[in-house]
């Protein structure tokens, strides 16, 4: 499937360091360095390395020294930009939720048709997961390891992204394209399907492509909720 939203989604797949600049989280990790651009550049460098280390060794077994070695810097340098290993985990887990927080509104606003809105949001979600599989796995394994304040903020950001998908679903119900469903449950059914691409990538990548995965699962997800009118709209989507 070559979607019409791919060109828009590609901006979100090639994630730059903007995820380190979310106003909600910017001041929650202390640094000894005053140069904002330098802080952003250094944190991006070692946080991305930390994701690899955490996914390989597990968060609790990993050390700042190992992260430093992976990033090609000294442990002392890392401690100029964070206070401890938990700060690094917090910054790492922001990657997925912030990227979704930025990408889903663009997908939602890419069309006026509710069915197409839902499809665009699901595609964007899947492509963000595909581009950041290690970070996605980390959110499942280690969110519980955050301090309550950090964990609550990550969960809150997730709920913000969920609401965008929920809006599309409610519009589909309102306009007669979906039957009446439990919106929150259908949202989680949607996002868990997207996350399955990373959780079972070891197998799924051998039997399908991300494009086929998106299209096939859209049909699975919508088979039980589309009305006759909704099915007509779905089948006439731009390809």
C-alpha atoms as a PDB file:
ATOM      1  CA  UNK A   1       0.000   0.000   0.000  1.00  0.00           C
ATOM      2  CA  UNK A   2       1.369   3.369  -0.959  1.00  0.00           C
ATOM      3  CA  UNK A   3      -0.699   5.758   1.091  1.00  0.00           C
ATOM      4  CA  UNK A   4      -1.428   9.357   0.263  1.00  0.00           C
ATOM      5  CA  UNK A   5      -0.371  10.266   3.814  1.00  0.00           C
ATOM      6  CA  UNK A   6       3.066   8.689   3.460  1.00  0.00           C
ATOM      7  CA  UNK A   7       4.737  11.950   2.492  1.00  0.00           C
ATOM      8  CA  UNK A   8       3.380  13.583   5.626  1.00  0.00           C
ATOM      9  CA  UNK A   9       4.164  10.627   7.835  1.00  0.00           C
ATOM     10  CA  UNK A  10       7.754  10.490   6.584  1.00  0.00           C
ATOM     11  CA  UNK A  11       8.516  13.710   8.433  1.00  0.00           C
ATOM     12  CA  UNK A  12       7.537  11.967  11.647  1.00  0.00           C
ATOM     13  CA  UNK A  13       9.399   8.750  10.862  1.00  0.00           C
ATOM     14  CA  UNK A  14      12.680  10.615  10.509  1.00  0.00           C
ATOM     15  CA  UNK A  15      12.629  11.765  14.082  1.00  0.00           C
ATOM     16  CA  UNK A  16      14.933  14.661  14.896  1.00  0.00           C
ATOM     17  CA  UNK A  17      15.740  15.993  18.345  1.00  0.00           C
ATOM     18  CA  UNK A  18      12.465  17.908  18.721  1.00  0.00           C
ATOM     19  CA  UNK A  19      11.256  15.239  21.149  1.00  0.00           C
ATOM     20  CA  UNK A  20      13.778  16.608  23.658  1.00  0.00           C
ATOM     21  CA  UNK A  21      12.127  20.038  23.554  1.00  0.00           C
ATOM     22  CA  UNK A  22       8.620  19.283  24.766  1.00  0.00           C
ATOM     23  CA  UNK A  23       7.711  22.173  27.101  1.00  0.00           C
ATOM     24  CA  UNK A  24       6.089  19.736  29.520  1.00  0.00           C
ATOM     25  CA  UNK A  25       9.307  17.790  30.080  1.00  0.00           C
ATOM     26  CA  UNK A  26      12.080  20.242  29.247  1.00  0.00           C
ATOM     27  CA  UNK A  27      12.746  21.319  32.831  1.00  0.00           C
ATOM     28  CA  UNK A  28      12.167  17.945  34.483  1.00  0.00           C
ATOM     29  CA  UNK A  29      15.713  16.678  33.916  1.00  0.00           C
ATOM     30  CA  UNK A  30      18.435  18.819  35.477  1.00  0.00           C
ATOM     31  CA  UNK A  31      21.638  19.719  33.626  1.00  0.00           C
ATOM     32  CA  UNK A  32      24.843  21.498  34.532  1.00  0.00           C
ATOM     33  CA  UNK A  33      25.172  22.926  31.011  1.00  0.00           C
ATOM     34  CA  UNK A  34      23.529  26.242  30.136  1.00  0.00           C
ATOM     35  CA  UNK A  35      23.824  26.029  26.333  1.00  0.00           C
ATOM     36  CA  UNK A  36      20.391  24.758  25.275  1.00  0.00           C
ATOM     37  CA  UNK A  37      21.509  23.582  21.839  1.00  0.00           C
ATOM     38  CA  UNK A  38      24.417  21.671  23.329  1.00  0.00           C
ATOM     39  CA  UNK A  39      22.153  20.038  25.897  1.00  0.00           C
ATOM     40  CA  UNK A  40      19.803  18.902  23.147  1.00  0.00           C
ATOM     41  CA  UNK A  41      22.607  17.552  20.932  1.00  0.00           C
ATOM     42  CA  UNK A  42      24.369  15.668  23.721  1.00  0.00           C
ATOM     43  CA  UNK A  43      21.185  14.189  25.151  1.00  0.00           C
ATOM     44  CA  UNK A  44      20.107  12.973  21.733  1.00  0.00           C
ATOM     45  CA  UNK A  45      23.504  11.337  21.289  1.00  0.00           C
ATOM     46  CA  UNK A  46      23.557   9.343  24.486  1.00  0.00           C
ATOM     47  CA  UNK A  47      19.824   8.720  24.860  1.00  0.00           C
ATOM     48  CA  UNK A  48      19.671   6.950  21.506  1.00  0.00           C
ATOM     49  CA  UNK A  49      22.661   4.878  22.594  1.00  0.00           C
ATOM     50  CA  UNK A  50      20.921   4.160  25.891  1.00  0.00           C
ATOM     51  CA  UNK A  51      17.894   2.759  24.066  1.00  0.00           C
ATOM     52  CA  UNK A  52      20.146   0.204  22.377  1.00  0.00           C
ATOM     53  CA  UNK A  53      21.852  -0.694  25.648  1.00  0.00           C
ATOM     54  CA  UNK A  54      18.611  -0.928  27.638  1.00  0.00           C
ATOM     55  CA  UNK A  55      16.988  -3.139  25.003  1.00  0.00           C
ATOM     56  CA  UNK A  56      20.018  -5.437  24.881  1.00  0.00           C
ATOM     57  CA  UNK A  57      20.873  -5.711  28.576  1.00  0.00           C
ATOM     58  CA  UNK A  58      17.700  -4.604  30.313  1.00  0.00           C
ATOM     59  CA  UNK A  59      17.358  -1.318  32.133  1.00  0.00           C
ATOM     60  CA  UNK A  60      18.294  -2.526  35.608  1.00  0.00           C
ATOM     61  CA  UNK A  61      21.367  -4.437  34.409  1.00  0.00           C
ATOM     62  CA  UNK A  62      22.655  -1.556  32.291  1.00  0.00           C
ATOM     63  CA  UNK A  63      25.139   1.005  33.585  1.00  0.00           C
ATOM     64  CA  UNK A  64      25.881   4.595  32.660  1.00  0.00           C
ATOM     65  CA  UNK A  65      29.394   3.416  31.794  1.00  0.00           C
ATOM     66  CA  UNK A  66      27.971   1.034  29.171  1.00  0.00           C
ATOM     67  CA  UNK A  67      25.787   3.793  27.761  1.00  0.00           C
ATOM     68  CA  UNK A  68      28.812   6.084  27.584  1.00  0.00           C
ATOM     69  CA  UNK A  69      30.835   3.433  25.754  1.00  0.00           C
ATOM     70  CA  UNK A  70      28.003   2.926  23.246  1.00  0.00           C
ATOM     71  CA  UNK A  71      27.759   6.692  22.691  1.00  0.00           C
ATOM     72  CA  UNK A  72      31.510   7.212  22.478  1.00  0.00           C
ATOM     73  CA  UNK A  73      31.632   9.626  25.422  1.00  0.00           C
ATOM     74  CA  UNK A  74      32.760   9.498  29.032  1.00  0.00           C
ATOM     75  CA  UNK A  75      30.396   8.725  31.941  1.00  0.00           C
ATOM     76  CA  UNK A  76      31.385  12.046  33.459  1.00  0.00           C
ATOM     77  CA  UNK A  77      30.126  13.868  30.377  1.00  0.00           C
ATOM     78  CA  UNK A  78      26.743  12.172  30.634  1.00  0.00           C
ATOM     79  CA  UNK A  79      26.410  13.256  34.246  1.00  0.00           C
ATOM     80  CA  UNK A  80      26.752  16.873  33.132  1.00  0.00           C
ATOM     81  CA  UNK A  81      23.445  16.507  31.286  1.00  0.00           C
ATOM     82  CA  UNK A  82      21.422  14.224  33.600  1.00  0.00           C
ATOM     83  CA  UNK A  83      21.406  13.377  37.278  1.00  0.00           C
ATOM     84  CA  UNK A  84      21.112   9.592  37.042  1.00  0.00           C
ATOM     85  CA  UNK A  85      20.199   6.600  34.878  1.00  0.00           C
ATOM     86  CA  UNK A  86      16.478   7.081  35.500  1.00  0.00           C
ATOM     87  CA  UNK A  87      16.680  10.505  33.862  1.00  0.00           C
ATOM     88  CA  UNK A  88      18.093   8.802  30.765  1.00  0.00           C
ATOM     89  CA  UNK A  89      15.233   6.290  30.734  1.00  0.00           C
ATOM     90  CA  UNK A  90      12.695   9.093  31.073  1.00  0.00           C
ATOM     91  CA  UNK A  91      14.197  10.936  28.107  1.00  0.00           C
ATOM     92  CA  UNK A  92      14.266   7.693  26.101  1.00  0.00           C
ATOM     93  CA  UNK A  93      10.613   6.866  26.706  1.00  0.00           C
ATOM     94  CA  UNK A  94       9.595  10.322  25.531  1.00  0.00           C
ATOM     95  CA  UNK A  95      10.756   9.447  22.032  1.00  0.00           C
ATOM     96  CA  UNK A  96       7.723   7.342  21.083  1.00  0.00           C
ATOM     97  CA  UNK A  97       5.020   9.292  22.903  1.00  0.00           C
ATOM     98  CA  UNK A  98       6.243  12.666  21.703  1.00  0.00           C
ATOM     99  CA  UNK A  99       6.631  11.518  18.100  1.00  0.00           C
ATOM    100  CA  UNK A 100       3.068  10.187  18.148  1.00  0.00           C
ATOM    101  CA  UNK A 101       1.898  13.357  19.841  1.00  0.00           C
ATOM    102  CA  UNK A 102       3.333  15.338  16.927  1.00  0.00           C
ATOM    103  CA  UNK A 103       2.385  12.991  14.091  1.00  0.00           C
ATOM    104  CA  UNK A 104      -1.189  12.007  14.891  1.00  0.00           C
ATOM    105  CA  UNK A 105      -2.712  15.521  14.704  1.00  0.00           C
ATOM    106  CA  UNK A 106      -1.194  15.919  11.252  1.00  0.00           C
ATOM    107  CA  UNK A 107      -2.693  12.593  10.166  1.00  0.00           C
ATOM    108  CA  UNK A 108      -6.066  13.471  11.685  1.00  0.00           C
ATOM    109  CA  UNK A 109      -6.156  16.815   9.879  1.00  0.00           C
ATOM    110  CA  UNK A 110      -5.010  15.387   6.551  1.00  0.00           C
ATOM    111  CA  UNK A 111      -8.606  14.673   5.478  1.00  0.00           C
ATOM    112  CA  UNK A 112     -12.149  15.689   6.370  1.00  0.00           C
ATOM    113  CA  UNK A 113     -13.642  12.189   6.095  1.00  0.00           C
ATOM    114  CA  UNK A 114     -13.833  10.400   9.478  1.00  0.00           C
ATOM    115  CA  UNK A 115     -13.078   6.940   8.075  1.00  0.00           C
ATOM    116  CA  UNK A 116     -10.008   8.285   6.313  1.00  0.00           C
ATOM    117  CA  UNK A 117      -9.016  10.109   9.519  1.00  0.00           C
ATOM    118  CA  UNK A 118      -9.044   6.825  11.416  1.00  0.00           C
ATOM    119  CA  UNK A 119      -7.058   5.063   8.683  1.00  0.00           C
ATOM    120  CA  UNK A 120      -4.492   7.879   8.538  1.00  0.00           C
ATOM    121  CA  UNK A 121      -4.037   7.814  12.317  1.00  0.00           C
ATOM    122  CA  UNK A 122      -3.549   4.050  12.363  1.00  0.00           C
ATOM    123  CA  UNK A 123      -1.031   4.240   9.526  1.00  0.00           C
ATOM    124  CA  UNK A 124       0.914   7.010  11.243  1.00  0.00           C
ATOM    125  CA  UNK A 125       0.958   5.088  14.511  1.00  0.00           C
ATOM    126  CA  UNK A 126       2.287   1.972  12.790  1.00  0.00           C
ATOM    127  CA  UNK A 127       4.978   3.853  10.907  1.00  0.00           C
ATOM    128  CA  UNK A 128       6.205   5.626  14.039  1.00  0.00           C
ATOM    129  CA  UNK A 129       6.419   2.259  15.781  1.00  0.00           C
ATOM    130  CA  UNK A 130       8.250   0.780  12.798  1.00  0.00           C
ATOM    131  CA  UNK A 131      10.797   3.603  12.761  1.00  0.00           C
ATOM    132  CA  UNK A 132      11.391   3.333  16.522  1.00  0.00           C
ATOM    133  CA  UNK A 133      10.942  -0.341  17.357  1.00  0.00           C
ATOM    134  CA  UNK A 134      13.550  -0.453  20.128  1.00  0.00           C
ATOM    135  CA  UNK A 135      12.106   2.583  21.860  1.00  0.00           C
ATOM    136  CA  UNK A 136       8.631   1.077  21.546  1.00  0.00           C
ATOM    137  CA  UNK A 137       9.772  -2.143  23.209  1.00  0.00           C
ATOM    138  CA  UNK A 138      11.373  -0.107  25.960  1.00  0.00           C
ATOM    139  CA  UNK A 139       8.078   1.586  26.822  1.00  0.00           C
ATOM    140  CA  UNK A 140       6.519  -1.824  27.483  1.00  0.00           C
ATOM    141  CA  UNK A 141       9.399  -3.143  29.520  1.00  0.00           C
ATOM    142  CA  UNK A 142      10.469  -0.178  31.588  1.00  0.00           C
ATOM    143  CA  UNK A 143       7.749   2.452  32.081  1.00  0.00           C
ATOM    144  CA  UNK A 144       7.236   0.892  35.510  1.00  0.00           C
ATOM    145  CA  UNK A 145      10.843   1.758  36.384  1.00  0.00           C
ATOM    146  CA  UNK A 146      10.222   5.518  36.235  1.00  0.00           C
ATOM    147  CA  UNK A 147       9.576   7.589  39.329  1.00  0.00           C
ATOM    148  CA  UNK A 148       5.861   8.379  39.768  1.00  0.00           C
ATOM    149  CA  UNK A 149       6.171  11.951  38.447  1.00  0.00           C
ATOM    150  CA  UNK A 150       7.906  10.860  35.262  1.00  0.00           C
ATOM    151  CA  UNK A 151       5.646   7.837  34.796  1.00  0.00           C
ATOM    152  CA  UNK A 152       2.530   9.966  35.179  1.00  0.00           C
ATOM    153  CA  UNK A 153       3.731  12.422  32.559  1.00  0.00           C
ATOM    154  CA  UNK A 154       4.495   9.675  30.017  1.00  0.00           C
ATOM    155  CA  UNK A 155       1.072   8.144  30.606  1.00  0.00           C
ATOM    156  CA  UNK A 156      -0.567  11.538  30.242  1.00  0.00           C
ATOM    157  CA  UNK A 157       1.134  12.096  26.898  1.00  0.00           C
ATOM    158  CA  UNK A 158      -0.090   8.680  25.760  1.00  0.00           C
ATOM    159  CA  UNK A 159      -3.647   9.585  26.682  1.00  0.00           C
ATOM    160  CA  UNK A 160      -3.348  12.744  24.578  1.00  0.00           C
ATOM    161  CA  UNK A 161      -2.468  10.688  21.525  1.00  0.00           C
ATOM    162  CA  UNK A 162      -5.217   8.180  22.281  1.00  0.00           C
ATOM    163  CA  UNK A 163      -7.747  10.998  22.281  1.00  0.00           C
ATOM    164  CA  UNK A 164      -6.914  11.896  18.681  1.00  0.00           C
ATOM    165  CA  UNK A 165      -7.795   8.368  17.557  1.00  0.00           C
ATOM    166  CA  UNK A 166     -10.883   8.503  19.772  1.00  0.00           C
ATOM    167  CA  UNK A 167     -12.043  11.686  18.038  1.00  0.00           C
ATOM    168  CA  UNK A 168     -11.886   9.967  14.656  1.00  0.00           C
ATOM    169  CA  UNK A 169     -13.844   6.997  16.005  1.00  0.00           C
ATOM    170  CA  UNK A 170     -16.523   9.203  17.539  1.00  0.00           C
ATOM    171  CA  UNK A 171     -16.893  11.091  14.257  1.00  0.00           C
ATOM    172  CA  UNK A 172     -17.302   7.787  12.406  1.00  0.00           C
ATOM    173  CA  UNK A 173     -20.070   6.768  14.818  1.00  0.00           C
ATOM    174  CA  UNK A 174     -21.732  10.186  14.626  1.00  0.00           C
ATOM    175  CA  UNK A 175     -21.809  10.149  10.827  1.00  0.00           C
ATOM    176  CA  UNK A 176     -23.091   6.600  10.584  1.00  0.00           C
ATOM    177  CA  UNK A 177     -19.882   5.029   9.256  1.00  0.00           C
ATOM    178  CA  UNK A 178     -19.251   2.910  12.395  1.00  0.00           C
ATOM    179  CA  UNK A 179     -21.725   1.029  14.531  1.00  0.00           C
ATOM    180  CA  UNK A 180     -21.853   2.134  18.167  1.00  0.00           C
ATOM    181  CA  UNK A 181     -18.782   0.749  19.930  1.00  0.00           C
ATOM    182  CA  UNK A 182     -16.957   1.285  23.204  1.00  0.00           C
ATOM    183  CA  UNK A 183     -14.651   4.029  21.969  1.00  0.00           C
ATOM    184  CA  UNK A 184     -11.899   3.614  24.543  1.00  0.00           C
ATOM    185  CA  UNK A 185     -11.716  -0.142  24.066  1.00  0.00           C
ATOM    186  CA  UNK A 186     -11.555   0.275  20.305  1.00  0.00           C
ATOM    187  CA  UNK A 187      -8.785   2.853  20.698  1.00  0.00           C
ATOM    188  CA  UNK A 188      -6.716   0.373  22.686  1.00  0.00           C
ATOM    189  CA  UNK A 189      -7.501  -2.390  20.217  1.00  0.00           C
ATOM    190  CA  UNK A 190      -6.137  -0.049  17.545  1.00  0.00           C
ATOM    191  CA  UNK A 191      -2.927   0.937  19.309  1.00  0.00           C
ATOM    192  CA  UNK A 192      -2.161  -2.590  20.509  1.00  0.00           C
ATOM    193  CA  UNK A 193      -2.400  -3.766  16.914  1.00  0.00           C
ATOM    194  CA  UNK A 194       0.109  -1.077  15.931  1.00  0.00           C
ATOM    195  CA  UNK A 195       2.464  -2.010  18.778  1.00  0.00           C
ATOM    196  CA  UNK A 196       2.329  -5.681  17.813  1.00  0.00           C
ATOM    197  CA  UNK A 197       4.524  -4.800  14.837  1.00  0.00           C
ATOM    198  CA  UNK A 198       7.424  -4.131  17.218  1.00  0.00           C
ATOM    199  CA  UNK A 199       6.516  -6.739  19.824  1.00  0.00           C
ATOM    200  CA  UNK A 200       6.466  -9.544  17.246  1.00  0.00           C
ATOM    201  CA  UNK A 201       8.711  -8.011  14.613  1.00  0.00           C
ATOM    202  CA  UNK A 202      11.072 -10.980  14.760  1.00  0.00           C
ATOM    203  CA  UNK A 203       8.365 -13.028  13.028  1.00  0.00           C
ATOM    204  CA  UNK A 204       6.118 -10.515  11.292  1.00  0.00           C
ATOM    205  CA  UNK A 205       9.018  -9.016   9.340  1.00  0.00           C
ATOM    206  CA  UNK A 206       9.596 -12.437   7.768  1.00  0.00           C
ATOM    207  CA  UNK A 207       6.040 -12.910   6.567  1.00  0.00           C
ATOM    208  CA  UNK A 208       4.922  -9.416   5.575  1.00  0.00           C
ATOM    209  CA  UNK A 209       5.951  -5.801   5.019  1.00  0.00           C
ATOM    210  CA  UNK A 210       4.912  -2.778   7.034  1.00  0.00           C
ATOM    211  CA  UNK A 211       2.716  -1.608   4.133  1.00  0.00           C
ATOM    212  CA  UNK A 212       0.871  -4.933   3.968  1.00  0.00           C
ATOM    213  CA  UNK A 213       0.663  -5.080   7.751  1.00  0.00           C
ATOM    214  CA  UNK A 214      -1.069  -1.707   7.858  1.00  0.00           C
ATOM    215  CA  UNK A 215      -3.559  -2.478   5.099  1.00  0.00           C
ATOM    216  CA  UNK A 216      -4.381  -5.986   6.315  1.00  0.00           C
ATOM    217  CA  UNK A 217      -4.911  -4.881   9.889  1.00  0.00           C
ATOM    218  CA  UNK A 218      -7.059  -1.923   8.853  1.00  0.00           C
ATOM    219  CA  UNK A 219      -9.368  -4.456   7.261  1.00  0.00           C
ATOM    220  CA  UNK A 220      -9.270  -6.677  10.359  1.00  0.00           C
ATOM    221  CA  UNK A 221      -9.929  -3.757  12.705  1.00  0.00           C
ATOM    222  CA  UNK A 222     -12.774  -2.278  10.696  1.00  0.00           C
ATOM    223  CA  UNK A 223     -14.511  -5.486   9.595  1.00  0.00           C
ATOM    224  CA  UNK A 224     -16.667  -5.603  12.728  1.00  0.00           C
ATOM    225  CA  UNK A 225     -17.448  -1.885  13.067  1.00  0.00           C
ATOM    226  CA  UNK A 226     -18.093  -0.487   9.588  1.00  0.00           C
ATOM    227  CA  UNK A 227     -21.673   0.091   8.556  1.00  0.00           C
ATOM    228  CA  UNK A 228     -22.698  -0.379   4.919  1.00  0.00           C
ATOM    229  CA  UNK A 229     -22.108   3.342   4.354  1.00  0.00           C
ATOM    230  CA  UNK A 230     -18.750   3.146   6.089  1.00  0.00           C
ATOM    231  CA  UNK A 231     -17.663   0.200   3.984  1.00  0.00           C
ATOM    232  CA  UNK A 232     -18.352   2.167   0.812  1.00  0.00           C
ATOM    233  CA  UNK A 233     -16.154   5.010   2.073  1.00  0.00           C
ATOM    234  CA  UNK A 234     -13.408   2.628   3.160  1.00  0.00           C
ATOM    235  CA  UNK A 235     -13.343   0.838  -0.192  1.00  0.00           C
ATOM    236  CA  UNK A 236     -13.153   4.153  -2.061  1.00  0.00           C
ATOM    237  CA  UNK A 237     -10.175   5.484  -0.101  1.00  0.00           C
ATOM    238  CA  UNK A 238      -7.448   7.134  -2.194  1.00  0.00           C
ATOM    239  CA  UNK A 239      -4.623   4.678  -2.805  1.00  0.00           C
END
